[in-house]
PDB file of all heavy atoms in Angstrom:
ATOM      1  N   THR A   1     -75.490 -16.304 -38.606  1.00  0.00           N
ATOM      2  CA  THR A   1     -76.069 -15.267 -37.757  1.00  0.00           C
ATOM      3  C   THR A   1     -75.077 -14.182 -37.361  1.00  0.00           C
ATOM      4  O   THR A   1     -75.465 -13.045 -37.097  1.00  0.00           O
ATOM      5  CB  THR A   1     -76.673 -15.905 -36.478  1.00  0.00           C
ATOM      6  OG1 THR A   1     -77.430 -14.917 -35.785  1.00  0.00           O
ATOM      7  CG2 THR A   1     -75.577 -16.443 -35.575  1.00  0.00           C
ATOM      8  N   THR A   2     -73.794 -14.503 -37.313  1.00  0.00           N
ATOM      9  CA  THR A   2     -72.789 -13.500 -36.955  1.00  0.00           C
ATOM     10  C   THR A   2     -72.217 -12.784 -38.173  1.00  0.00           C
ATOM     11  O   THR A   2     -71.344 -11.921 -38.029  1.00  0.00           O
ATOM     12  CB  THR A   2     -71.629 -14.159 -36.190  1.00  0.00           C
ATOM     13  OG1 THR A   2     -71.073 -15.212 -36.976  1.00  0.00           O
ATOM     14  CG2 THR A   2     -72.116 -14.706 -34.861  1.00  0.00           C
ATOM     15  N   LYS A   3     -72.721 -13.103 -39.378  1.00  0.00           N
ATOM     16  CA  LYS A   3     -72.232 -12.484 -40.606  1.00  0.00           C
ATOM     17  C   LYS A   3     -73.284 -11.517 -41.133  1.00  0.00           C
ATOM     18  O   LYS A   3     -74.010 -11.825 -42.083  1.00  0.00           O
ATOM     19  CB  LYS A   3     -71.902 -13.553 -41.649  1.00  0.00           C
ATOM     20  CG  LYS A   3     -70.831 -14.534 -41.184  1.00  0.00           C
ATOM     21  CD  LYS A   3     -70.545 -15.601 -42.231  1.00  0.00           C
ATOM     22  CE  LYS A   3     -69.491 -16.579 -41.739  1.00  0.00           C
ATOM     23  NZ  LYS A   3     -69.204 -17.635 -42.737  1.00  0.00           N
ATOM     24  N   ASN A   4     -73.417 -10.379 -40.492  1.00  0.00           N
ATOM     25  CA  ASN A   4     -74.413  -9.396 -40.876  1.00  0.00           C
ATOM     26  C   ASN A   4     -74.102  -8.842 -42.260  1.00  0.00           C
ATOM     27  O   ASN A   4     -72.959  -8.576 -42.602  1.00  0.00           O
ATOM     28  CB  ASN A   4     -74.437  -8.252 -39.855  1.00  0.00           C
ATOM     29  CG  ASN A   4     -74.882  -8.739 -38.500  1.00  0.00           C
ATOM     30  OD1 ASN A   4     -75.703  -9.636 -38.397  1.00  0.00           O
ATOM     31  ND2 ASN A   4     -74.306  -8.180 -37.448  1.00  0.00           N
ATOM     32  N   GLY A   5     -75.153  -8.633 -43.048  1.00  0.00           N
ATOM     33  CA  GLY A   5     -74.990  -8.086 -44.391  1.00  0.00           C
ATOM     34  C   GLY A   5     -74.731  -9.142 -45.448  1.00  0.00           C
ATOM     35  O   GLY A   5     -74.570  -8.813 -46.624  1.00  0.00           O
ATOM     36  N   SER A   6     -74.676 -10.426 -45.071  1.00  0.00           N
ATOM     37  CA  SER A   6     -74.430 -11.486 -46.034  1.00  0.00           C
ATOM     38  C   SER A   6     -75.664 -11.698 -46.913  1.00  0.00           C
ATOM     39  O   SER A   6     -76.790 -11.790 -46.388  1.00  0.00           O
ATOM     40  CB  SER A   6     -74.081 -12.786 -45.309  1.00  0.00           C
ATOM     41  OG  SER A   6     -74.054 -13.865 -46.215  1.00  0.00           O
ATOM     42  N   PRO A   7     -75.503 -11.795 -48.258  1.00  0.00           N
ATOM     43  CA  PRO A   7     -76.664 -12.051 -49.136  1.00  0.00           C
ATOM     44  C   PRO A   7     -77.350 -13.369 -48.809  1.00  0.00           C
ATOM     45  O   PRO A   7     -78.574 -13.486 -48.923  1.00  0.00           O
ATOM     46  CB  PRO A   7     -76.035 -12.075 -50.537  1.00  0.00           C
ATOM     47  CG  PRO A   7     -74.763 -11.308 -50.416  1.00  0.00           C
ATOM     48  CD  PRO A   7     -74.274 -11.575 -49.025  1.00  0.00           C
ATOM     49  N   VAL A   8     -76.565 -14.374 -48.415  1.00  0.00           N
ATOM     50  CA  VAL A   8     -77.151 -15.671 -48.054  1.00  0.00           C
ATOM     51  C   VAL A   8     -78.058 -15.522 -46.842  1.00  0.00           C
ATOM     52  O   VAL A   8     -79.169 -16.060 -46.804  1.00  0.00           O
ATOM     53  CB  VAL A   8     -76.039 -16.704 -47.770  1.00  0.00           C
ATOM     54  CG1 VAL A   8     -76.645 -18.039 -47.328  1.00  0.00           C
ATOM     55  CG2 VAL A   8     -75.166 -16.895 -48.998  1.00  0.00           C
ATOM     56  N   LEU A   9     -77.597 -14.761 -45.849  1.00  0.00           N
ATOM     57  CA  LEU A   9     -78.403 -14.533 -44.657  1.00  0.00           C
ATOM     58  C   LEU A   9     -79.690 -13.796 -45.006  1.00  0.00           C
ATOM     59  O   LEU A   9     -80.750 -14.094 -44.469  1.00  0.00           O
ATOM     60  CB  LEU A   9     -77.607 -13.742 -43.617  1.00  0.00           C
ATOM     61  CG  LEU A   9     -78.334 -13.410 -42.303  1.00  0.00           C
ATOM     62  CD1 LEU A   9     -78.742 -14.694 -41.588  1.00  0.00           C
ATOM     63  CD2 LEU A   9     -77.460 -12.554 -41.402  1.00  0.00           C
ATOM     64  N   PHE A  10     -79.604 -12.848 -45.932  1.00  0.00           N
ATOM     65  CA  PHE A  10     -80.795 -12.100 -46.350  1.00  0.00           C
ATOM     66  C   PHE A  10     -81.819 -13.029 -46.992  1.00  0.00           C
ATOM     67  O   PHE A  10     -83.017 -12.973 -46.674  1.00  0.00           O
ATOM     68  CB  PHE A  10     -80.397 -10.996 -47.328  1.00  0.00           C
ATOM     69  CG  PHE A  10     -81.571 -10.290 -47.931  1.00  0.00           C
ATOM     70  CD1 PHE A  10     -82.337  -9.402 -47.182  1.00  0.00           C
ATOM     71  CD2 PHE A  10     -81.924 -10.519 -49.250  1.00  0.00           C
ATOM     72  CE1 PHE A  10     -83.428  -8.759 -47.744  1.00  0.00           C
ATOM     73  CE2 PHE A  10     -83.006  -9.883 -49.816  1.00  0.00           C
ATOM     74  CZ  PHE A  10     -83.764  -8.998 -49.060  1.00  0.00           C
ATOM     75  N   LEU A  11     -81.368 -13.923 -47.903  1.00  0.00           N
ATOM     76  CA  LEU A  11     -82.287 -14.865 -48.550  1.00  0.00           C
ATOM     77  C   LEU A  11     -82.911 -15.818 -47.532  1.00  0.00           C
ATOM     78  O   LEU A  11     -84.093 -16.168 -47.631  1.00  0.00           O
ATOM     79  CB  LEU A  11     -81.545 -15.657 -49.630  1.00  0.00           C
ATOM     80  CG  LEU A  11     -81.065 -14.853 -50.847  1.00  0.00           C
ATOM     81  CD1 LEU A  11     -80.264 -15.744 -51.781  1.00  0.00           C
ATOM     82  CD2 LEU A  11     -82.253 -14.228 -51.580  1.00  0.00           C
ATOM     83  N   ILE A  12     -82.107 -16.230 -46.557  1.00  0.00           N
ATOM     84  CA  ILE A  12     -82.620 -17.121 -45.512  1.00  0.00           C
ATOM     85  C   ILE A  12     -83.712 -16.430 -44.710  1.00  0.00           C
ATOM     86  O   ILE A  12     -84.786 -17.004 -44.456  1.00  0.00           O
ATOM     87  CB  ILE A  12     -81.473 -17.566 -44.586  1.00  0.00           C
ATOM     88  CG1 ILE A  12     -80.504 -18.475 -45.340  1.00  0.00           C
ATOM     89  CG2 ILE A  12     -82.014 -18.278 -43.354  1.00  0.00           C
ATOM     90  CD1 ILE A  12     -79.241 -18.793 -44.572  1.00  0.00           C
ATOM     91  N   VAL A  13     -83.466 -15.189 -44.325  1.00  0.00           N
ATOM     92  CA  VAL A  13     -84.443 -14.445 -43.527  1.00  0.00           C
ATOM     93  C   VAL A  13     -85.713 -14.191 -44.330  1.00  0.00           C
ATOM     94  O   VAL A  13     -86.828 -14.248 -43.792  1.00  0.00           O
ATOM     95  CB  VAL A  13     -83.829 -13.120 -43.037  1.00  0.00           C
ATOM     96  CG1 VAL A  13     -84.883 -12.249 -42.370  1.00  0.00           C
ATOM     97  CG2 VAL A  13     -82.682 -13.394 -42.067  1.00  0.00           C
ATOM     98  N   VAL A  14     -85.572 -13.926 -45.646  1.00  0.00           N
ATOM     99  CA  VAL A  14     -86.745 -13.710 -46.498  1.00  0.00           C
ATOM    100  C   VAL A  14     -87.643 -14.937 -46.492  1.00  0.00           C
ATOM    101  O   VAL A  14     -88.869 -14.837 -46.368  1.00  0.00           O
ATOM    102  CB  VAL A  14     -86.311 -13.354 -47.940  1.00  0.00           C
ATOM    103  CG1 VAL A  14     -87.486 -13.466 -48.906  1.00  0.00           C
ATOM    104  CG2 VAL A  14     -85.756 -11.941 -47.987  1.00  0.00           C
ATOM    105  N   PHE A  15     -87.038 -16.126 -46.617  1.00  0.00           N
ATOM    106  CA  PHE A  15     -87.847 -17.345 -46.595  1.00  0.00           C
ATOM    107  C   PHE A  15     -88.470 -17.575 -45.222  1.00  0.00           C
ATOM    108  O   PHE A  15     -89.636 -17.977 -45.117  1.00  0.00           O
ATOM    109  CB  PHE A  15     -87.013 -18.559 -46.990  1.00  0.00           C
ATOM    110  CG  PHE A  15     -87.806 -19.837 -46.971  1.00  0.00           C
ATOM    111  CD1 PHE A  15     -88.607 -20.187 -48.041  1.00  0.00           C
ATOM    112  CD2 PHE A  15     -87.786 -20.673 -45.862  1.00  0.00           C
ATOM    113  CE1 PHE A  15     -89.367 -21.343 -48.016  1.00  0.00           C
ATOM    114  CE2 PHE A  15     -88.539 -21.834 -45.822  1.00  0.00           C
ATOM    115  CZ  PHE A  15     -89.328 -22.171 -46.918  1.00  0.00           C
ATOM    116  N   LEU A  16     -87.705 -17.322 -44.164  1.00  0.00           N
ATOM    117  CA  LEU A  16     -88.233 -17.519 -42.815  1.00  0.00           C
ATOM    118  C   LEU A  16     -89.419 -16.604 -42.551  1.00  0.00           C
ATOM    119  O   LEU A  16     -90.353 -16.973 -41.823  1.00  0.00           O
ATOM    120  CB  LEU A  16     -87.131 -17.278 -41.777  1.00  0.00           C
ATOM    121  CG  LEU A  16     -85.993 -18.311 -41.756  1.00  0.00           C
ATOM    122  CD1 LEU A  16     -84.932 -17.910 -40.749  1.00  0.00           C
ATOM    123  CD2 LEU A  16     -86.529 -19.701 -41.438  1.00  0.00           C
ATOM    124  N   TYR A  17     -89.413 -15.405 -43.137  1.00  0.00           N
ATOM    125  CA  TYR A  17     -90.551 -14.501 -43.001  1.00  0.00           C
ATOM    126  C   TYR A  17     -91.753 -15.018 -43.787  1.00  0.00           C
ATOM    127  O   TYR A  17     -92.903 -14.822 -43.375  1.00  0.00           O
ATOM    128  CB  TYR A  17     -90.172 -13.099 -43.502  1.00  0.00           C
ATOM    129  CG  TYR A  17     -89.608 -12.186 -42.447  1.00  0.00           C
ATOM    130  CD1 TYR A  17     -88.310 -12.355 -41.963  1.00  0.00           C
ATOM    131  CD2 TYR A  17     -90.366 -11.151 -41.925  1.00  0.00           C
ATOM    132  CE1 TYR A  17     -87.782 -11.528 -40.993  1.00  0.00           C
ATOM    133  CE2 TYR A  17     -89.844 -10.314 -40.954  1.00  0.00           C
ATOM    134  CZ  TYR A  17     -88.552 -10.500 -40.494  1.00  0.00           C
ATOM    135  OH  TYR A  17     -88.051  -9.673 -39.528  1.00  0.00           O
ATOM    136  N   ALA A  18     -91.500 -15.656 -44.931  1.00  0.00           N
ATOM    137  CA  ALA A  18     -92.582 -16.129 -45.783  1.00  0.00           C
ATOM    138  C   ALA A  18     -93.247 -17.389 -45.233  1.00  0.00           C
ATOM    139  O   ALA A  18     -94.448 -17.610 -45.434  1.00  0.00           O
ATOM    140  CB  ALA A  18     -92.062 -16.393 -47.197  1.00  0.00           C
ATOM    141  N   PHE A  19     -92.475 -18.211 -44.524  1.00  0.00           N
ATOM    142  CA  PHE A  19     -92.977 -19.516 -44.075  1.00  0.00           C
ATOM    143  C   PHE A  19     -94.242 -19.444 -43.219  1.00  0.00           C
ATOM    144  O   PHE A  19     -95.219 -20.148 -43.510  1.00  0.00           O
ATOM    145  CB  PHE A  19     -91.862 -20.261 -43.329  1.00  0.00           C
ATOM    146  CG  PHE A  19     -92.318 -21.528 -42.662  1.00  0.00           C
ATOM    147  CD1 PHE A  19     -92.617 -22.647 -43.413  1.00  0.00           C
ATOM    148  CD2 PHE A  19     -92.459 -21.591 -41.287  1.00  0.00           C
ATOM    149  CE1 PHE A  19     -93.042 -23.814 -42.805  1.00  0.00           C
ATOM    150  CE2 PHE A  19     -92.888 -22.754 -40.672  1.00  0.00           C
ATOM    151  CZ  PHE A  19     -93.174 -23.864 -41.429  1.00  0.00           C
ATOM    152  N   PRO A  20     -94.295 -18.614 -42.154  1.00  0.00           N
ATOM    153  CA  PRO A  20     -95.513 -18.600 -41.319  1.00  0.00           C
ATOM    154  C   PRO A  20     -96.769 -18.189 -42.085  1.00  0.00           C
ATOM    155  O   PRO A  20     -97.849 -18.732 -41.841  1.00  0.00           O
ATOM    156  CB  PRO A  20     -95.175 -17.576 -40.216  1.00  0.00           C
ATOM    157  CG  PRO A  20     -93.694 -17.516 -40.190  1.00  0.00           C
ATOM    158  CD  PRO A  20     -93.265 -17.700 -41.604  1.00  0.00           C
ATOM    159  N   GLY A  21     -96.637 -17.247 -43.013  1.00  0.00           N
ATOM    160  CA  GLY A  21     -97.807 -16.804 -43.768  1.00  0.00           C
ATOM    161  C   GLY A  21     -98.243 -17.811 -44.810  1.00  0.00           C
ATOM    162  O   GLY A  21     -99.437 -18.103 -44.950  1.00  0.00           O
ATOM    163  N   VAL A  22     -97.284 -18.374 -45.554  1.00  0.00           N
ATOM    164  CA  VAL A  22     -97.615 -19.310 -46.630  1.00  0.00           C
ATOM    165  C   VAL A  22     -98.213 -20.597 -46.059  1.00  0.00           C
ATOM    166  O   VAL A  22     -99.224 -21.099 -46.566  1.00  0.00           O
ATOM    167  CB  VAL A  22     -96.360 -19.630 -47.471  1.00  0.00           C
ATOM    168  CG1 VAL A  22     -96.655 -20.735 -48.479  1.00  0.00           C
ATOM    169  CG2 VAL A  22     -95.883 -18.377 -48.198  1.00  0.00           C
ATOM    170  N   HIS A  23     -97.607 -21.118 -44.991  1.00  0.00           N
ATOM    171  CA  HIS A  23     -98.157 -22.350 -44.424  1.00  0.00           C
ATOM    172  C   HIS A  23     -99.531 -22.119 -43.801  1.00  0.00           C
ATOM    173  O   HIS A  23    -100.418 -22.979 -43.887  1.00  0.00           O
ATOM    174  CB  HIS A  23     -97.206 -22.931 -43.369  1.00  0.00           C
ATOM    175  CG  HIS A  23     -97.715 -24.204 -42.775  1.00  0.00           C
ATOM    176  ND1 HIS A  23     -98.062 -24.323 -41.454  1.00  0.00           N
ATOM    177  CD2 HIS A  23     -97.975 -25.406 -43.341  1.00  0.00           C
ATOM    178  CE1 HIS A  23     -98.499 -25.543 -41.221  1.00  0.00           C
ATOM    179  NE2 HIS A  23     -98.453 -26.227 -42.348  1.00  0.00           N
ATOM    180  N   SER A  24     -99.735 -20.969 -43.177  1.00  0.00           N
ATOM    181  CA  SER A  24    -101.059 -20.658 -42.629  1.00  0.00           C
ATOM    182  C   SER A  24    -102.091 -20.550 -43.744  1.00  0.00           C
ATOM    183  O   SER A  24    -103.252 -20.937 -43.564  1.00  0.00           O
ATOM    184  CB  SER A  24    -101.006 -19.345 -41.833  1.00  0.00           C
ATOM    185  OG  SER A  24    -100.193 -19.492 -40.681  1.00  0.00           O
ATOM    186  N   LEU A  25    -101.685 -20.046 -44.908  1.00  0.00           N
ATOM    187  CA  LEU A  25    -102.591 -19.977 -46.050  1.00  0.00           C
ATOM    188  C   LEU A  25    -102.961 -21.375 -46.532  1.00  0.00           C
ATOM    189  O   LEU A  25    -104.120 -21.636 -46.890  1.00  0.00           O
ATOM    190  CB  LEU A  25    -101.932 -19.182 -47.183  1.00  0.00           C
ATOM    191  CG  LEU A  25    -102.837 -18.689 -48.309  1.00  0.00           C
ATOM    192  CD1 LEU A  25    -103.906 -17.746 -47.763  1.00  0.00           C
ATOM    193  CD2 LEU A  25    -102.019 -18.000 -49.382  1.00  0.00           C
ATOM    194  N   ILE A  26    -101.988 -22.297 -46.519  1.00  0.00           N
ATOM    195  CA  ILE A  26    -102.277 -23.687 -46.876  1.00  0.00           C
ATOM    196  C   ILE A  26    -103.256 -24.304 -45.883  1.00  0.00           C
ATOM    197  O   ILE A  26    -104.180 -25.040 -46.261  1.00  0.00           O
ATOM    198  CB  ILE A  26    -100.965 -24.502 -46.926  1.00  0.00           C
ATOM    199  CG1 ILE A  26    -100.084 -24.019 -48.073  1.00  0.00           C
ATOM    200  CG2 ILE A  26    -101.253 -25.997 -47.074  1.00  0.00           C
ATOM    201  CD1 ILE A  26     -98.725 -24.686 -48.129  1.00  0.00           C
ATOM    202  N   LEU A  27    -103.073 -24.000 -44.591  1.00  0.00           N
ATOM    203  CA  LEU A  27    -103.993 -24.519 -43.575  1.00  0.00           C
ATOM    204  C   LEU A  27    -105.409 -23.985 -43.777  1.00  0.00           C
ATOM    205  O   LEU A  27    -106.387 -24.695 -43.537  1.00  0.00           O
ATOM    206  CB  LEU A  27    -103.488 -24.130 -42.179  1.00  0.00           C
ATOM    207  CG  LEU A  27    -102.207 -24.814 -41.703  1.00  0.00           C
ATOM    208  CD1 LEU A  27    -101.803 -24.292 -40.328  1.00  0.00           C
ATOM    209  CD2 LEU A  27    -102.376 -26.324 -41.662  1.00  0.00           C
ATOM    210  N   ILE A  28    -105.525 -22.747 -44.226  1.00  0.00           N
ATOM    211  CA  ILE A  28    -106.853 -22.172 -44.469  1.00  0.00           C
ATOM    212  C   ILE A  28    -107.569 -22.946 -45.569  1.00  0.00           C
ATOM    213  O   ILE A  28    -108.746 -23.319 -45.433  1.00  0.00           O
ATOM    214  CB  ILE A  28    -106.733 -20.682 -44.848  1.00  0.00           C
ATOM    215  CG1 ILE A  28    -106.313 -19.860 -43.632  1.00  0.00           C
ATOM    216  CG2 ILE A  28    -108.057 -20.148 -45.403  1.00  0.00           C
ATOM    217  CD1 ILE A  28    -106.050 -18.399 -43.924  1.00  0.00           C
ATOM    218  N   PHE A  29    -106.873 -23.222 -46.682  1.00  0.00           N
ATOM    219  CA  PHE A  29    -107.509 -23.906 -47.812  1.00  0.00           C
ATOM    220  C   PHE A  29    -107.660 -25.405 -47.583  1.00  0.00           C
ATOM    221  O   PHE A  29    -108.344 -26.078 -48.363  1.00  0.00           O
ATOM    222  CB  PHE A  29    -106.722 -23.640 -49.094  1.00  0.00           C
ATOM    223  CG  PHE A  29    -106.898 -22.245 -49.632  1.00  0.00           C
ATOM    224  CD1 PHE A  29    -105.890 -21.302 -49.495  1.00  0.00           C
ATOM    225  CD2 PHE A  29    -108.080 -21.870 -50.245  1.00  0.00           C
ATOM    226  CE1 PHE A  29    -106.063 -20.015 -49.985  1.00  0.00           C
ATOM    227  CE2 PHE A  29    -108.262 -20.582 -50.730  1.00  0.00           C
ATOM    228  CZ  PHE A  29    -107.252 -19.650 -50.602  1.00  0.00           C
ATOM    229  N   SER A  30    -107.040 -25.935 -46.531  1.00  0.00           N
ATOM    230  CA  SER A  30    -107.249 -27.342 -46.183  1.00  0.00           C
ATOM    231  C   SER A  30    -108.323 -27.506 -45.111  1.00  0.00           C
ATOM    232  O   SER A  30    -108.676 -28.630 -44.758  1.00  0.00           O
ATOM    233  CB  SER A  30    -105.941 -27.964 -45.697  1.00  0.00           C
ATOM    234  OG  SER A  30    -105.490 -27.340 -44.508  1.00  0.00           O
TER     235      SER A  30
END
């Protein structure tokens, strides 16, 4: 979190953004 601009941090944030939407989509189809 204190290493701004890190590619690893960017990939982590991308997944964290995807998680709420993707899991909610799974809940819809279940």
